[in-house]
Amino acid sequence: MTNEEYKAALEQERADRNARTKYIVREDGDAFQLLRRNGAGMGWGVTRYASRETADLAAAFLNRLKEDEA
């Protein structure tokens, strides 16, 4: 495997990991639920926020952190 092929394989693995999990926000009555969704589309609640802006900020931060770790 050449260096270029190795770099391409690492980049593909990083992209695949990032595609699997995503943090999203859904309205839940009078609050906003932060959900973690896996590659199969199944999701589970992480926490609830009173404002949409805070929930969106948390989701954006967690998604960015996930990308940086990959």
PDB file of N, CA and C in Angstrom:
ATOM      1  N   MET A   1       0.850  -1.173   0.000  1.00  0.00           N
ATOM      2  CA  MET A   1       0.000   0.000   0.000  1.00  0.00           C
ATOM      3  C   MET A   1       0.897   1.238   0.000  1.00  0.00           C
ATOM      4  N   THR A   2       0.651   2.126  -0.930  1.00  0.00           N
ATOM      5  CA  THR A   2       1.452   3.343  -1.016  1.00  0.00           C
ATOM      6  C   THR A   2       0.974   4.357   0.026  1.00  0.00           C
ATOM      7  N   ASN A   3       1.761   5.401   0.220  1.00  0.00           N
ATOM      8  CA  ASN A   3       1.376   6.454   1.161  1.00  0.00           C
ATOM      9  C   ASN A   3       0.056   7.110   0.762  1.00  0.00           C
ATOM     10  N   GLU A   4      -0.135   7.335  -0.528  1.00  0.00           N
ATOM     11  CA  GLU A   4      -1.362   7.957  -1.011  1.00  0.00           C
ATOM     12  C   GLU A   4      -2.570   7.064  -0.754  1.00  0.00           C
ATOM     13  N   GLU A   5      -2.416   5.775  -0.999  1.00  0.00           N
ATOM     14  CA  GLU A   5      -3.515   4.832  -0.743  1.00  0.00           C
ATOM     15  C   GLU A   5      -3.835   4.763   0.746  1.00  0.00           C
ATOM     16  N   TYR A   6      -2.796   4.784   1.570  1.00  0.00           N
ATOM     17  CA  TYR A   6      -2.982   4.751   3.014  1.00  0.00           C
ATOM     18  C   TYR A   6      -3.716   5.999   3.495  1.00  0.00           C
ATOM     19  N   LYS A   7      -3.312   7.165   3.010  1.00  0.00           N
ATOM     20  CA  LYS A   7      -3.982   8.415   3.371  1.00  0.00           C
ATOM     21  C   LYS A   7      -5.436   8.396   2.923  1.00  0.00           C
ATOM     22  N   ALA A   8      -5.699   7.891   1.724  1.00  0.00           N
ATOM     23  CA  ALA A   8      -7.071   7.808   1.222  1.00  0.00           C
ATOM     24  C   ALA A   8      -7.911   6.854   2.068  1.00  0.00           C
ATOM     25  N   ALA A   9      -7.322   5.740   2.489  1.00  0.00           N
ATOM     26  CA  ALA A   9      -8.041   4.783   3.327  1.00  0.00           C
ATOM     27  C   ALA A   9      -8.360   5.386   4.689  1.00  0.00           C
ATOM     28  N   LEU A  10      -7.422   6.122   5.272  1.00  0.00           N
ATOM     29  CA  LEU A  10      -7.674   6.786   6.549  1.00  0.00           C
ATOM     30  C   LEU A  10      -8.770   7.836   6.425  1.00  0.00           C
ATOM     31  N   GLU A  11      -8.752   8.603   5.355  1.00  0.00           N
ATOM     32  CA  GLU A  11      -9.778   9.623   5.139  1.00  0.00           C
ATOM     33  C   GLU A  11     -11.152   8.978   4.951  1.00  0.00           C
ATOM     34  N   GLN A  12     -11.199   7.867   4.234  1.00  0.00           N
ATOM     35  CA  GLN A  12     -12.473   7.168   4.040  1.00  0.00           C
ATOM     36  C   GLN A  12     -13.000   6.633   5.374  1.00  0.00           C
ATOM     37  N   GLU A  13     -12.123   6.093   6.191  1.00  0.00           N
ATOM     38  CA  GLU A  13     -12.531   5.594   7.509  1.00  0.00           C
ATOM     39  C   GLU A  13     -13.069   6.728   8.376  1.00  0.00           C
ATOM     40  N   ARG A  14     -12.416   7.896   8.339  1.00  0.00           N
ATOM     41  CA  ARG A  14     -12.873   9.053   9.096  1.00  0.00           C
ATOM     42  C   ARG A  14     -14.248   9.496   8.619  1.00  0.00           C
ATOM     43  N   ALA A  15     -14.437   9.548   7.322  1.00  0.00           N
ATOM     44  CA  ALA A  15     -15.727   9.953   6.758  1.00  0.00           C
ATOM     45  C   ALA A  15     -16.823   8.954   7.135  1.00  0.00           C
ATOM     46  N   ASP A  16     -16.509   7.674   7.112  1.00  0.00           N
ATOM     47  CA  ASP A  16     -17.487   6.650   7.487  1.00  0.00           C
ATOM     48  C   ASP A  16     -17.890   6.778   8.946  1.00  0.00           C
ATOM     49  N   ARG A  17     -16.914   7.026   9.833  1.00  0.00           N
ATOM     50  CA  ARG A  17     -17.229   7.196  11.258  1.00  0.00           C
ATOM     51  C   ARG A  17     -18.101   8.405  11.483  1.00  0.00           C
ATOM     52  N   ASN A  18     -17.826   9.502  10.792  1.00  0.00           N
ATOM     53  CA  ASN A  18     -18.616  10.718  10.956  1.00  0.00           C
ATOM     54  C   ASN A  18     -20.032  10.549  10.438  1.00  0.00           C
ATOM     55  N   ALA A  19     -20.216   9.718   9.426  1.00  0.00           N
ATOM     56  CA  ALA A  19     -21.545   9.513   8.850  1.00  0.00           C
ATOM     57  C   ALA A  19     -22.425   8.646   9.743  1.00  0.00           C
ATOM     58  N   ARG A  20     -21.825   7.860  10.596  1.00  0.00           N
ATOM     59  CA  ARG A  20     -22.599   6.922  11.409  1.00  0.00           C
ATOM     60  C   ARG A  20     -23.393   7.589  12.513  1.00  0.00           C
ATOM     61  N   THR A  21     -22.811   8.519  13.219  1.00  0.00           N
ATOM     62  CA  THR A  21     -23.460   9.120  14.374  1.00  0.00           C
ATOM     63  C   THR A  21     -23.644  10.607  14.150  1.00  0.00           C
ATOM     64  N   LYS A  22     -24.813  11.110  14.541  1.00  0.00           N
ATOM     65  CA  LYS A  22     -25.083  12.530  14.392  1.00  0.00           C
ATOM     66  C   LYS A  22     -25.976  12.974  15.539  1.00  0.00           C
ATOM     67  N   TYR A  23     -25.744  14.166  16.033  1.00  0.00           N
ATOM     68  CA  TYR A  23     -26.586  14.754  17.070  1.00  0.00           C
ATOM     69  C   TYR A  23     -27.593  15.672  16.394  1.00  0.00           C
ATOM     70  N   ILE A  24     -28.857  15.502  16.757  1.00  0.00           N
ATOM     71  CA  ILE A  24     -29.923  16.307  16.174  1.00  0.00           C
ATOM     72  C   ILE A  24     -30.808  16.854  17.295  1.00  0.00           C
ATOM     73  N   VAL A  25     -31.647  17.831  16.958  1.00  0.00           N
ATOM     74  CA  VAL A  25     -32.563  18.439  17.924  1.00  0.00           C
ATOM     75  C   VAL A  25     -33.986  18.253  17.415  1.00  0.00           C
ATOM     76  N   ARG A  26     -34.867  17.847  18.323  1.00  0.00           N
ATOM     77  CA  ARG A  26     -36.295  17.721  18.002  1.00  0.00           C
ATOM     78  C   ARG A  26     -37.109  18.447  19.054  1.00  0.00           C
ATOM     79  N   GLU A  27     -38.197  19.048  18.603  1.00  0.00           N
ATOM     80  CA  GLU A  27     -39.107  19.707  19.539  1.00  0.00           C
ATOM     81  C   GLU A  27     -39.848  18.636  20.331  1.00  0.00           C
ATOM     82  N   ASP A  28     -39.955  18.845  21.636  1.00  0.00           N
ATOM     83  CA  ASP A  28     -40.592  17.869  22.522  1.00  0.00           C
ATOM     84  C   ASP A  28     -41.487  18.624  23.501  1.00  0.00           C
ATOM     85  N   GLY A  29     -42.706  18.915  23.049  1.00  0.00           N
ATOM     86  CA  GLY A  29     -43.629  19.689  23.889  1.00  0.00           C
ATOM     87  C   GLY A  29     -43.121  21.107  24.058  1.00  0.00           C
ATOM     88  N   ASP A  30     -42.844  21.491  25.294  1.00  0.00           N
ATOM     89  CA  ASP A  30     -42.373  22.848  25.561  1.00  0.00           C
ATOM     90  C   ASP A  30     -40.845  22.920  25.662  1.00  0.00           C
ATOM     91  N   ALA A  31     -40.155  21.844  25.319  1.00  0.00           N
ATOM     92  CA  ALA A  31     -38.691  21.802  25.396  1.00  0.00           C
ATOM     93  C   ALA A  31     -38.127  21.276  24.075  1.00  0.00           C
ATOM     94  N   PHE A  32     -36.814  21.154  24.030  1.00  0.00           N
ATOM     95  CA  PHE A  32     -36.130  20.665  22.834  1.00  0.00           C
ATOM     96  C   PHE A  32     -35.206  19.534  23.243  1.00  0.00           C
ATOM     97  N   GLN A  33     -35.394  18.388  22.613  1.00  0.00           N
ATOM     98  CA  GLN A  33     -34.663  17.167  22.943  1.00  0.00           C
ATOM     99  C   GLN A  33     -33.430  17.048  22.061  1.00  0.00           C
ATOM    100  N   LEU A  34     -32.272  16.858  22.691  1.00  0.00           N
ATOM    101  CA  LEU A  34     -31.039  16.577  21.961  1.00  0.00           C
ATOM    102  C   LEU A  34     -30.940  15.070  21.829  1.00  0.00           C
ATOM    103  N   LEU A  35     -30.886  14.584  20.584  1.00  0.00           N
ATOM    104  CA  LEU A  35     -30.843  13.150  20.304  1.00  0.00           C
ATOM    105  C   LEU A  35     -29.531  12.774  19.635  1.00  0.00           C
ATOM    106  N   ARG A  36     -29.062  11.587  19.943  1.00  0.00           N
ATOM    107  CA  ARG A  36     -27.912  11.008  19.243  1.00  0.00           C
ATOM    108  C   ARG A  36     -28.472   9.946  18.305  1.00  0.00           C
ATOM    109  N   ARG A  37     -28.233  10.109  17.008  1.00  0.00           N
ATOM    110  CA  ARG A  37     -28.763   9.169  16.016  1.00  0.00           C
ATOM    111  C   ARG A  37     -27.609   8.386  15.408  1.00  0.00           C
ATOM    112  N   ASN A  38     -27.794   7.054  15.322  1.00  0.00           N
ATOM    113  CA  ASN A  38     -26.742   6.219  14.733  1.00  0.00           C
ATOM    114  C   ASN A  38     -26.955   6.072  13.233  1.00  0.00           C
ATOM    115  N   GLY A  39     -26.084   5.349  12.576  1.00  0.00           N
ATOM    116  CA  GLY A  39     -26.142   5.189  11.131  1.00  0.00           C
ATOM    117  C   GLY A  39     -27.397   4.500  10.635  1.00  0.00           C
ATOM    118  N   ALA A  40     -28.048   3.699  11.483  1.00  0.00           N
ATOM    119  CA  ALA A  40     -29.273   3.004  11.105  1.00  0.00           C
ATOM    120  C   ALA A  40     -30.509   3.890  11.282  1.00  0.00           C
ATOM    121  N   GLY A  41     -30.323   5.111  11.773  1.00  0.00           N
ATOM    122  CA  GLY A  41     -31.445   6.021  11.955  1.00  0.00           C
ATOM    123  C   GLY A  41     -32.103   5.924  13.324  1.00  0.00           C
ATOM    124  N   MET A  42     -31.632   5.013  14.158  1.00  0.00           N
ATOM    125  CA  MET A  42     -32.177   4.890  15.509  1.00  0.00           C
ATOM    126  C   MET A  42     -31.567   5.987  16.371  1.00  0.00           C
ATOM    127  N   GLY A  43     -32.383   6.583  17.224  1.00  0.00           N
ATOM    128  CA  GLY A  43     -31.893   7.658  18.063  1.00  0.00           C
ATOM    129  C   GLY A  43     -32.346   7.508  19.491  1.00  0.00           C
ATOM    130  N   TRP A  44     -31.627   8.146  20.382  1.00  0.00           N
ATOM    131  CA  TRP A  44     -32.014   8.148  21.794  1.00  0.00           C
ATOM    132  C   TRP A  44     -31.676   9.505  22.372  1.00  0.00           C
ATOM    133  N   GLY A  45     -32.469   9.890  23.354  1.00  0.00           N
ATOM    134  CA  GLY A  45     -32.318  11.195  23.961  1.00  0.00           C
ATOM    135  C   GLY A  45     -31.070  11.304  24.810  1.00  0.00           C
ATOM    136  N   VAL A  46     -30.427  12.444  24.710  1.00  0.00           N
ATOM    137  CA  VAL A  46     -29.257  12.729  25.515  1.00  0.00           C
ATOM    138  C   VAL A  46     -29.660  13.655  26.656  1.00  0.00           C
ATOM    139  N   THR A  47     -30.340  14.755  26.323  1.00  0.00           N
ATOM    140  CA  THR A  47     -30.806  15.700  27.329  1.00  0.00           C
ATOM    141  C   THR A  47     -31.853  16.614  26.705  1.00  0.00           C
ATOM    142  N   ARG A  48     -32.479  17.439  27.545  1.00  0.00           N
ATOM    143  CA  ARG A  48     -33.491  18.383  27.065  1.00  0.00           C
ATOM    144  C   ARG A  48     -33.055  19.799  27.389  1.00  0.00           C
ATOM    145  N   TYR A  49     -33.429  20.718  26.509  1.00  0.00           N
ATOM    146  CA  TYR A  49     -33.116  22.132  26.697  1.00  0.00           C
ATOM    147  C   TYR A  49     -34.388  22.946  26.622  1.00  0.00           C
ATOM    148  N   ALA A  50     -34.398  24.084  27.308  1.00  0.00           N
ATOM    149  CA  ALA A  50     -35.565  24.960  27.308  1.00  0.00           C
ATOM    150  C   ALA A  50     -35.616  25.824  26.052  1.00  0.00           C
ATOM    151  N   SER A  51     -34.456  26.125  25.470  1.00  0.00           N
ATOM    152  CA  SER A  51     -34.455  26.980  24.277  1.00  0.00           C
ATOM    153  C   SER A  51     -33.874  26.241  23.075  1.00  0.00           C
ATOM    154  N   ARG A  52     -34.403  26.551  21.930  1.00  0.00           N
ATOM    155  CA  ARG A  52     -33.953  25.937  20.680  1.00  0.00           C
ATOM    156  C   ARG A  52     -32.505  26.318  20.368  1.00  0.00           C
ATOM    157  N   GLU A  53     -32.158  27.572  20.633  1.00  0.00           N
ATOM    158  CA  GLU A  53     -30.809  28.047  20.342  1.00  0.00           C
ATOM    159  C   GLU A  53     -29.761  27.256  21.127  1.00  0.00           C
ATOM    160  N   THR A  54     -30.030  26.998  22.403  1.00  0.00           N
ATOM    161  CA  THR A  54     -29.086  26.251  23.226  1.00  0.00           C
ATOM    162  C   THR A  54     -28.968  24.814  22.737  1.00  0.00           C
ATOM    163  N   ALA A  55     -30.081  24.200  22.393  1.00  0.00           N
ATOM    164  CA  ALA A  55     -30.063  22.827  21.896  1.00  0.00           C
ATOM    165  C   ALA A  55     -29.302  22.733  20.575  1.00  0.00           C
ATOM    166  N   ASP A  56     -29.535  23.681  19.682  1.00  0.00           N
ATOM    167  CA  ASP A  56     -28.817  23.698  18.403  1.00  0.00           C
ATOM    168  C   ASP A  56     -27.318  23.901  18.601  1.00  0.00           C
ATOM    169  N   LEU A  57     -26.965  24.774  19.542  1.00  0.00           N
ATOM    170  CA  LEU A  57     -25.556  25.013  19.833  1.00  0.00           C
ATOM    171  C   LEU A  57     -24.888  23.755  20.384  1.00  0.00           C
ATOM    172  N   ALA A  58     -25.571  23.051  21.284  1.00  0.00           N
ATOM    173  CA  ALA A  58     -25.019  21.808  21.839  1.00  0.00           C
ATOM    174  C   ALA A  58     -24.851  20.754  20.750  1.00  0.00           C
ATOM    175  N   ALA A  59     -25.836  20.616  19.867  1.00  0.00           N
ATOM    176  CA  ALA A  59     -25.748  19.638  18.778  1.00  0.00           C
ATOM    177  C   ALA A  59     -24.590  19.983  17.844  1.00  0.00           C
ATOM    178  N   ALA A  60     -24.447  21.261  17.501  1.00  0.00           N
ATOM    179  CA  ALA A  60     -23.359  21.682  16.617  1.00  0.00           C
ATOM    180  C   ALA A  60     -22.006  21.418  17.269  1.00  0.00           C
ATOM    181  N   PHE A  61     -21.898  21.712  18.559  1.00  0.00           N
ATOM    182  CA  PHE A  61     -20.646  21.480  19.271  1.00  0.00           C
ATOM    183  C   PHE A  61     -20.301  19.993  19.292  1.00  0.00           C
ATOM    184  N   LEU A  62     -21.264  19.141  19.620  1.00  0.00           N
ATOM    185  CA  LEU A  62     -21.007  17.708  19.692  1.00  0.00           C
ATOM    186  C   LEU A  62     -20.677  17.119  18.325  1.00  0.00           C
ATOM    187  N   ASN A  63     -21.359  17.578  17.284  1.00  0.00           N
ATOM    188  CA  ASN A  63     -21.047  17.102  15.936  1.00  0.00           C
ATOM    189  C   ASN A  63     -19.645  17.526  15.521  1.00  0.00           C
ATOM    190  N   ARG A  64     -19.254  18.737  15.860  1.00  0.00           N
ATOM    191  CA  ARG A  64     -17.908  19.219  15.527  1.00  0.00           C
ATOM    192  C   ARG A  64     -16.854  18.450  16.326  1.00  0.00           C
ATOM    193  N   LEU A  65     -17.126  18.208  17.595  1.00  0.00           N
ATOM    194  CA  LEU A  65     -16.201  17.450  18.430  1.00  0.00           C
ATOM    195  C   LEU A  65     -16.010  16.054  17.881  1.00  0.00           C
ATOM    196  N   LYS A  66     -17.103  15.438  17.438  1.00  0.00           N
ATOM    197  CA  LYS A  66     -17.038  14.096  16.846  1.00  0.00           C
ATOM    198  C   LYS A  66     -16.169  14.095  15.602  1.00  0.00           C
ATOM    199  N   GLU A  67     -16.289  15.120  14.772  1.00  0.00           N
ATOM    200  CA  GLU A  67     -15.476  15.222  13.557  1.00  0.00           C
ATOM    201  C   GLU A  67     -13.997  15.400  13.901  1.00  0.00           C
ATOM    202  N   ASP A  68     -13.710  16.216  14.914  1.00  0.00           N
ATOM    203  CA  ASP A  68     -12.325  16.456  15.292  1.00  0.00           C
ATOM    204  C   ASP A  68     -11.672  15.198  15.861  1.00  0.00           C
ATOM    205  N   GLU A  69     -12.452  14.361  16.563  1.00  0.00           N
ATOM    206  CA  GLU A  69     -11.897  13.144  17.136  1.00  0.00           C
ATOM    207  C   GLU A  69     -11.547  12.124  16.063  1.00  0.00           C
ATOM    208  N   ALA A  70     -12.326  12.137  14.968  1.00  0.00           N
ATOM    209  CA  ALA A  70     -12.077  11.192  13.881  1.00  0.00           C
ATOM    210  C   ALA A  70     -10.853  11.637  13.146  1.00  0.00           C
TER     211      ALA A  70
END
